[in-house]
């Protein structure tokens, strides 16, 4: 696997776990936590949202859905 793809997948997984553990978080909070730009974080959140793992109940805020996920 391409190293940049591997980094992206690891970051997306870490973002999901962070949201799962912290409840509702903002895009800005995630950008600060992961040292990425808000645009990069938004792209990662789009992947999670597309897969129905997170939702945005209010613009700029994110929370996990009830979809079952096996974390390995």
PDB file of N, CA and C in Angstrom:
ATOM      1  N   UNK A   1       0.847  -1.179   0.000  1.00  0.00           N
ATOM      2  CA  UNK A   1       0.000   0.000   0.000  1.00  0.00           C
ATOM      3  C   UNK A   1       0.892   1.241   0.000  1.00  0.00           C
ATOM      4  N   UNK A   2       0.469   2.239  -0.719  1.00  0.00           N
ATOM      5  CA  UNK A   2       1.172   3.509  -0.798  1.00  0.00           C
ATOM      6  C   UNK A   2       1.309   4.111   0.610  1.00  0.00           C
ATOM      7  N   UNK A   3       2.505   4.592   0.992  1.00  0.00           N
ATOM      8  CA  UNK A   3       2.682   5.152   2.342  1.00  0.00           C
ATOM      9  C   UNK A   3       1.728   6.306   2.661  1.00  0.00           C
ATOM     10  N   UNK A   4       1.427   7.160   1.682  1.00  0.00           N
ATOM     11  CA  UNK A   4       0.517   8.267   1.964  1.00  0.00           C
ATOM     12  C   UNK A   4      -0.912   7.765   2.182  1.00  0.00           C
ATOM     13  N   UNK A   5      -1.297   6.707   1.475  1.00  0.00           N
ATOM     14  CA  UNK A   5      -2.616   6.105   1.681  1.00  0.00           C
ATOM     15  C   UNK A   5      -2.690   5.482   3.062  1.00  0.00           C
ATOM     16  N   UNK A   6      -1.631   4.829   3.475  1.00  0.00           N
ATOM     17  CA  UNK A   6      -1.574   4.219   4.796  1.00  0.00           C
ATOM     18  C   UNK A   6      -1.690   5.278   5.896  1.00  0.00           C
ATOM     19  N   UNK A   7      -0.995   6.408   5.732  1.00  0.00           N
ATOM     20  CA  UNK A   7      -1.089   7.513   6.702  1.00  0.00           C
ATOM     21  C   UNK A   7      -2.509   8.041   6.782  1.00  0.00           C
ATOM     22  N   UNK A   8      -3.136   8.205   5.603  1.00  0.00           N
ATOM     23  CA  UNK A   8      -4.503   8.720   5.562  1.00  0.00           C
ATOM     24  C   UNK A   8      -5.455   7.759   6.278  1.00  0.00           C
ATOM     25  N   UNK A   9      -5.355   6.481   6.000  1.00  0.00           N
ATOM     26  CA  UNK A   9      -6.239   5.500   6.643  1.00  0.00           C
ATOM     27  C   UNK A   9      -6.022   5.452   8.152  1.00  0.00           C
ATOM     28  N   UNK A  10      -4.782   5.547   8.584  1.00  0.00           N
ATOM     29  CA  UNK A  10      -4.500   5.584  10.024  1.00  0.00           C
ATOM     30  C   UNK A  10      -5.085   6.831  10.670  1.00  0.00           C
ATOM     31  N   UNK A  11      -4.995   7.971   9.982  1.00  0.00           N
ATOM     32  CA  UNK A  11      -5.547   9.216  10.509  1.00  0.00           C
ATOM     33  C   UNK A  11      -7.069   9.140  10.583  1.00  0.00           C
ATOM     34  N   UNK A  12      -7.705   8.586   9.553  1.00  0.00           N
ATOM     35  CA  UNK A  12      -9.163   8.455   9.549  1.00  0.00           C
ATOM     36  C   UNK A  12      -9.617   7.557  10.695  1.00  0.00           C
ATOM     37  N   UNK A  13      -8.925   6.461  10.909  1.00  0.00           N
ATOM     38  CA  UNK A  13      -9.261   5.565  12.021  1.00  0.00           C
ATOM     39  C   UNK A  13      -9.085   6.283  13.356  1.00  0.00           C
ATOM     40  N   UNK A  14      -7.994   7.027  13.496  1.00  0.00           N
ATOM     41  CA  UNK A  14      -7.735   7.761  14.743  1.00  0.00           C
ATOM     42  C   UNK A  14      -8.805   8.828  14.971  1.00  0.00           C
ATOM     43  N   UNK A  15      -9.239   9.482  13.917  1.00  0.00           N
ATOM     44  CA  UNK A  15     -10.294  10.498  14.034  1.00  0.00           C
ATOM     45  C   UNK A  15     -11.583   9.835  14.503  1.00  0.00           C
ATOM     46  N   UNK A  16     -11.928   8.703  13.916  1.00  0.00           N
ATOM     47  CA  UNK A  16     -13.148   8.002  14.323  1.00  0.00           C
ATOM     48  C   UNK A  16     -13.088   7.621  15.807  1.00  0.00           C
ATOM     49  N   UNK A  17     -11.977   7.079  16.238  1.00  0.00           N
ATOM     50  CA  UNK A  17     -11.827   6.685  17.639  1.00  0.00           C
ATOM     51  C   UNK A  17     -11.900   7.905  18.547  1.00  0.00           C
ATOM     52  N   UNK A  18     -11.293   9.007  18.130  1.00  0.00           N
ATOM     53  CA  UNK A  18     -11.334  10.244  18.919  1.00  0.00           C
ATOM     54  C   UNK A  18     -12.778  10.718  19.096  1.00  0.00           C
ATOM     55  N   UNK A  19     -13.540  10.726  18.009  1.00  0.00           N
ATOM     56  CA  UNK A  19     -14.943  11.149  18.087  1.00  0.00           C
ATOM     57  C   UNK A  19     -15.726  10.180  18.971  1.00  0.00           C
ATOM     58  N   UNK A  20     -15.488   8.897  18.801  1.00  0.00           N
ATOM     59  CA  UNK A  20     -16.171   7.875  19.596  1.00  0.00           C
ATOM     60  C   UNK A  20     -15.924   8.086  21.089  1.00  0.00           C
ATOM     61  N   UNK A  21     -14.700   8.404  21.447  1.00  0.00           N
ATOM     62  CA  UNK A  21     -14.329   8.575  22.857  1.00  0.00           C
ATOM     63  C   UNK A  21     -14.740   9.933  23.430  1.00  0.00           C
ATOM     64  N   UNK A  22     -14.853  10.964  22.591  1.00  0.00           N
ATOM     65  CA  UNK A  22     -15.109  12.317  23.079  1.00  0.00           C
ATOM     66  C   UNK A  22     -16.510  12.845  22.794  1.00  0.00           C
ATOM     67  N   UNK A  23     -17.340  12.053  22.156  1.00  0.00           N
ATOM     68  CA  UNK A  23     -18.692  12.514  21.853  1.00  0.00           C
ATOM     69  C   UNK A  23     -18.691  13.480  20.686  1.00  0.00           C
ATOM     70  N   UNK A  24     -19.414  14.553  20.788  1.00  0.00           N
ATOM     71  CA  UNK A  24     -19.503  15.538  19.716  1.00  0.00           C
ATOM     72  C   UNK A  24     -18.281  16.442  19.730  1.00  0.00           C
ATOM     73  N   UNK A  25     -17.635  16.548  18.570  1.00  0.00           N
ATOM     74  CA  UNK A  25     -16.431  17.377  18.435  1.00  0.00           C
ATOM     75  C   UNK A  25     -16.576  18.261  17.205  1.00  0.00           C
ATOM     76  N   UNK A  26     -15.773  19.320  17.153  1.00  0.00           N
ATOM     77  CA  UNK A  26     -15.800  20.224  16.010  1.00  0.00           C
ATOM     78  C   UNK A  26     -14.665  19.896  15.043  1.00  0.00           C
ATOM     79  N   UNK A  27     -14.837  20.345  13.822  1.00  0.00           N
ATOM     80  CA  UNK A  27     -13.792  20.170  12.812  1.00  0.00           C
ATOM     81  C   UNK A  27     -12.510  20.866  13.268  1.00  0.00           C
ATOM     82  N   UNK A  28     -12.638  22.047  13.833  1.00  0.00           N
ATOM     83  CA  UNK A  28     -11.471  22.799  14.307  1.00  0.00           C
ATOM     84  C   UNK A  28     -10.740  22.038  15.421  1.00  0.00           C
ATOM     85  N   UNK A  29     -11.497  21.482  16.345  1.00  0.00           N
ATOM     86  CA  UNK A  29     -10.899  20.698  17.436  1.00  0.00           C
ATOM     87  C   UNK A  29     -10.111  19.518  16.875  1.00  0.00           C
ATOM     88  N   UNK A  30     -10.661  18.850  15.874  1.00  0.00           N
ATOM     89  CA  UNK A  30      -9.962  17.722  15.256  1.00  0.00           C
ATOM     90  C   UNK A  30      -8.696  18.185  14.536  1.00  0.00           C
ATOM     91  N   UNK A  31      -8.770  19.318  13.845  1.00  0.00           N
ATOM     92  CA  UNK A  31      -7.598  19.845  13.147  1.00  0.00           C
ATOM     93  C   UNK A  31      -6.472  20.141  14.132  1.00  0.00           C
ATOM     94  N   UNK A  32      -6.810  20.722  15.269  1.00  0.00           N
ATOM     95  CA  UNK A  32      -5.803  21.020  16.289  1.00  0.00           C
ATOM     96  C   UNK A  32      -5.252  19.738  16.906  1.00  0.00           C
ATOM     97  N   UNK A  33      -6.122  18.806  17.191  1.00  0.00           N
ATOM     98  CA  UNK A  33      -5.709  17.545  17.824  1.00  0.00           C
ATOM     99  C   UNK A  33      -4.768  16.741  16.929  1.00  0.00           C
ATOM    100  N   UNK A  34      -5.050  16.725  15.626  1.00  0.00           N
ATOM    101  CA  UNK A  34      -4.268  15.891  14.715  1.00  0.00           C
ATOM    102  C   UNK A  34      -3.218  16.661  13.924  1.00  0.00           C
ATOM    103  N   UNK A  35      -3.104  17.965  14.166  1.00  0.00           N
ATOM    104  CA  UNK A  35      -2.075  18.756  13.509  1.00  0.00           C
ATOM    105  C   UNK A  35      -2.235  18.814  12.004  1.00  0.00           C
ATOM    106  N   UNK A  36      -3.476  18.826  11.552  1.00  0.00           N
ATOM    107  CA  UNK A  36      -3.771  18.900  10.120  1.00  0.00           C
ATOM    108  C   UNK A  36      -4.583  20.153   9.840  1.00  0.00           C
ATOM    109  N   UNK A  37      -4.711  20.460   8.576  1.00  0.00           N
ATOM    110  CA  UNK A  37      -5.536  21.615   8.209  1.00  0.00           C
ATOM    111  C   UNK A  37      -7.014  21.227   8.320  1.00  0.00           C
ATOM    112  N   UNK A  38      -7.879  22.206   8.538  1.00  0.00           N
ATOM    113  CA  UNK A  38      -9.312  21.896   8.565  1.00  0.00           C
ATOM    114  C   UNK A  38      -9.797  21.241   7.267  1.00  0.00           C
ATOM    115  N   UNK A  39      -9.210  21.608   6.137  1.00  0.00           N
ATOM    116  CA  UNK A  39      -9.606  21.005   4.852  1.00  0.00           C
ATOM    117  C   UNK A  39      -9.261  19.523   4.805  1.00  0.00           C
ATOM    118  N   UNK A  40      -8.075  19.150   5.296  1.00  0.00           N
ATOM    119  CA  UNK A  40      -7.685  17.740   5.337  1.00  0.00           C
ATOM    120  C   UNK A  40      -8.624  16.964   6.247  1.00  0.00           C
ATOM    121  N   UNK A  41      -8.914  17.528   7.408  1.00  0.00           N
ATOM    122  CA  UNK A  41      -9.828  16.884   8.346  1.00  0.00           C
ATOM    123  C   UNK A  41     -11.205  16.734   7.711  1.00  0.00           C
ATOM    124  N   UNK A  42     -11.658  17.749   6.992  1.00  0.00           N
ATOM    125  CA  UNK A  42     -12.971  17.680   6.346  1.00  0.00           C
ATOM    126  C   UNK A  42     -13.032  16.546   5.334  1.00  0.00           C
ATOM    127  N   UNK A  43     -11.962  16.356   4.573  1.00  0.00           N
ATOM    128  CA  UNK A  43     -11.932  15.239   3.616  1.00  0.00           C
ATOM    129  C   UNK A  43     -12.024  13.906   4.350  1.00  0.00           C
ATOM    130  N   UNK A  44     -11.315  13.787   5.474  1.00  0.00           N
ATOM    131  CA  UNK A  44     -11.369  12.552   6.264  1.00  0.00           C
ATOM    132  C   UNK A  44     -12.768  12.338   6.840  1.00  0.00           C
ATOM    133  N   UNK A  45     -13.388  13.406   7.316  1.00  0.00           N
ATOM    134  CA  UNK A  45     -14.743  13.311   7.852  1.00  0.00           C
ATOM    135  C   UNK A  45     -15.726  12.913   6.763  1.00  0.00           C
ATOM    136  N   UNK A  46     -15.511  13.383   5.547  1.00  0.00           N
ATOM    137  CA  UNK A  46     -16.378  13.001   4.429  1.00  0.00           C
ATOM    138  C   UNK A  46     -16.337  11.499   4.189  1.00  0.00           C
ATOM    139  N   UNK A  47     -15.158  10.903   4.318  1.00  0.00           N
ATOM    140  CA  UNK A  47     -15.023   9.452   4.160  1.00  0.00           C
ATOM    141  C   UNK A  47     -15.820   8.727   5.246  1.00  0.00           C
ATOM    142  N   UNK A  48     -15.678   9.183   6.480  1.00  0.00           N
ATOM    143  CA  UNK A  48     -16.402   8.568   7.589  1.00  0.00           C
ATOM    144  C   UNK A  48     -17.913   8.750   7.433  1.00  0.00           C
ATOM    145  N   UNK A  49     -18.316   9.933   7.003  1.00  0.00           N
ATOM    146  CA  UNK A  49     -19.746  10.197   6.825  1.00  0.00           C
ATOM    147  C   UNK A  49     -20.309   9.360   5.677  1.00  0.00           C
ATOM    148  N   UNK A  50     -19.578   9.238   4.586  1.00  0.00           N
ATOM    149  CA  UNK A  50     -20.003   8.431   3.441  1.00  0.00           C
ATOM    150  C   UNK A  50     -20.251   6.987   3.869  1.00  0.00           C
ATOM    151  N   UNK A  51     -19.430   6.494   4.776  1.00  0.00           N
ATOM    152  CA  UNK A  51     -19.556   5.120   5.276  1.00  0.00           C
ATOM    153  C   UNK A  51     -20.515   5.005   6.463  1.00  0.00           C
ATOM    154  N   UNK A  52     -21.233   6.082   6.726  1.00  0.00           N
ATOM    155  CA  UNK A  52     -22.266   6.142   7.763  1.00  0.00           C
ATOM    156  C   UNK A  52     -21.734   5.839   9.166  1.00  0.00           C
ATOM    157  N   UNK A  53     -20.476   6.226   9.422  1.00  0.00           N
ATOM    158  CA  UNK A  53     -19.876   6.017  10.738  1.00  0.00           C
ATOM    159  C   UNK A  53     -20.011   7.239  11.632  1.00  0.00           C
ATOM    160  N   UNK A  54     -20.170   8.416  11.009  1.00  0.00           N
ATOM    161  CA  UNK A  54     -20.369   9.656  11.766  1.00  0.00           C
ATOM    162  C   UNK A  54     -21.477  10.457  11.102  1.00  0.00           C
ATOM    163  N   UNK A  55     -22.007  11.414  11.841  1.00  0.00           N
ATOM    164  CA  UNK A  55     -22.995  12.333  11.277  1.00  0.00           C
ATOM    165  C   UNK A  55     -22.747  13.712  11.867  1.00  0.00           C
ATOM    166  N   UNK A  56     -23.319  14.691  11.211  1.00  0.00           N
ATOM    167  CA  UNK A  56     -23.167  16.073  11.651  1.00  0.00           C
ATOM    168  C   UNK A  56     -24.538  16.601  12.051  1.00  0.00           C
ATOM    169  N   UNK A  57     -24.862  16.530  13.354  1.00  0.00           N
ATOM    170  CA  UNK A  57     -26.172  17.010  13.790  1.00  0.00           C
ATOM    171  C   UNK A  57     -26.303  18.534  13.686  1.00  0.00           C
ATOM    172  N   UNK A  58     -25.164  19.210  13.671  1.00  0.00           N
ATOM    173  CA  UNK A  58     -25.126  20.659  13.555  1.00  0.00           C
ATOM    174  C   UNK A  58     -23.882  21.008  12.752  1.00  0.00           C
ATOM    175  N   UNK A  59     -23.977  21.965  11.884  1.00  0.00           N
ATOM    176  CA  UNK A  59     -22.856  22.316  10.998  1.00  0.00           C
ATOM    177  C   UNK A  59     -21.544  22.485  11.779  1.00  0.00           C
ATOM    178  N   UNK A  60     -20.520  21.753  11.332  1.00  0.00           N
ATOM    179  CA  UNK A  60     -19.199  21.859  11.943  1.00  0.00           C
ATOM    180  C   UNK A  60     -19.002  20.998  13.183  1.00  0.00           C
ATOM    181  N   UNK A  61     -20.042  20.272  13.595  1.00  0.00           N
ATOM    182  CA  UNK A  61     -19.937  19.381  14.753  1.00  0.00           C
ATOM    183  C   UNK A  61     -20.211  17.963  14.292  1.00  0.00           C
ATOM    184  N   UNK A  62     -19.486  17.016  14.878  1.00  0.00           N
ATOM    185  CA  UNK A  62     -19.562  15.632  14.437  1.00  0.00           C
ATOM    186  C   UNK A  62     -19.734  14.689  15.616  1.00  0.00           C
ATOM    187  N   UNK A  63     -20.480  13.620  15.373  1.00  0.00           N
ATOM    188  CA  UNK A  63     -20.670  12.582  16.377  1.00  0.00           C
ATOM    189  C   UNK A  63     -20.770  11.238  15.661  1.00  0.00           C
ATOM    190  N   UNK A  64     -20.546  10.161  16.375  1.00  0.00           N
ATOM    191  CA  UNK A  64     -20.630   8.836  15.767  1.00  0.00           C
ATOM    192  C   UNK A  64     -22.076   8.398  15.616  1.00  0.00           C
ATOM    193  N   UNK A  65     -22.302   7.489  14.707  1.00  0.00           N
ATOM    194  CA  UNK A  65     -23.631   6.922  14.514  1.00  0.00           C
ATOM    195  C   UNK A  65     -23.716   5.619  15.315  1.00  0.00           C
ATOM    196  N   UNK A  66     -24.844   4.959  15.214  1.00  0.00           N
ATOM    197  CA  UNK A  66     -25.016   3.695  15.940  1.00  0.00           C
ATOM    198  C   UNK A  66     -24.556   2.503  15.117  1.00  0.00           C
ATOM    199  N   UNK A  67     -24.005   2.735  13.949  1.00  0.00           N
ATOM    200  CA  UNK A  67     -23.522   1.651  13.104  1.00  0.00           C
ATOM    201  C   UNK A  67     -22.419   0.897  13.818  1.00  0.00           C
ATOM    202  N   UNK A  68     -22.516  -0.421  13.821  1.00  0.00           N
ATOM    203  CA  UNK A  68     -21.534  -1.274  14.501  1.00  0.00           C
ATOM    204  C   UNK A  68     -20.225  -1.296  13.712  1.00  0.00           C
ATOM    205  N   UNK A  69     -19.120  -1.178  14.468  1.00  0.00           N
ATOM    206  CA  UNK A  69     -17.789  -1.160  13.865  1.00  0.00           C
ATOM    207  C   UNK A  69     -16.890  -2.075  14.681  1.00  0.00           C
ATOM    208  N   UNK A  70     -16.113  -2.889  13.996  1.00  0.00           N
ATOM    209  CA  UNK A  70     -15.132  -3.726  14.668  1.00  0.00           C
ATOM    210  C   UNK A  70     -13.774  -3.034  14.563  1.00  0.00           C
ATOM    211  N   UNK A  71     -13.276  -2.575  15.716  1.00  0.00           N
ATOM    212  CA  UNK A  71     -11.981  -1.887  15.742  1.00  0.00           C
ATOM    213  C   UNK A  71     -10.874  -2.902  15.988  1.00  0.00           C
ATOM    214  N   UNK A  72      -9.903  -2.954  15.084  1.00  0.00           N
ATOM    215  CA  UNK A  72      -8.775  -3.880  15.254  1.00  0.00           C
ATOM    216  C   UNK A  72      -7.478  -3.117  15.255  1.00  0.00           C
TER     217      UNK A  72
END
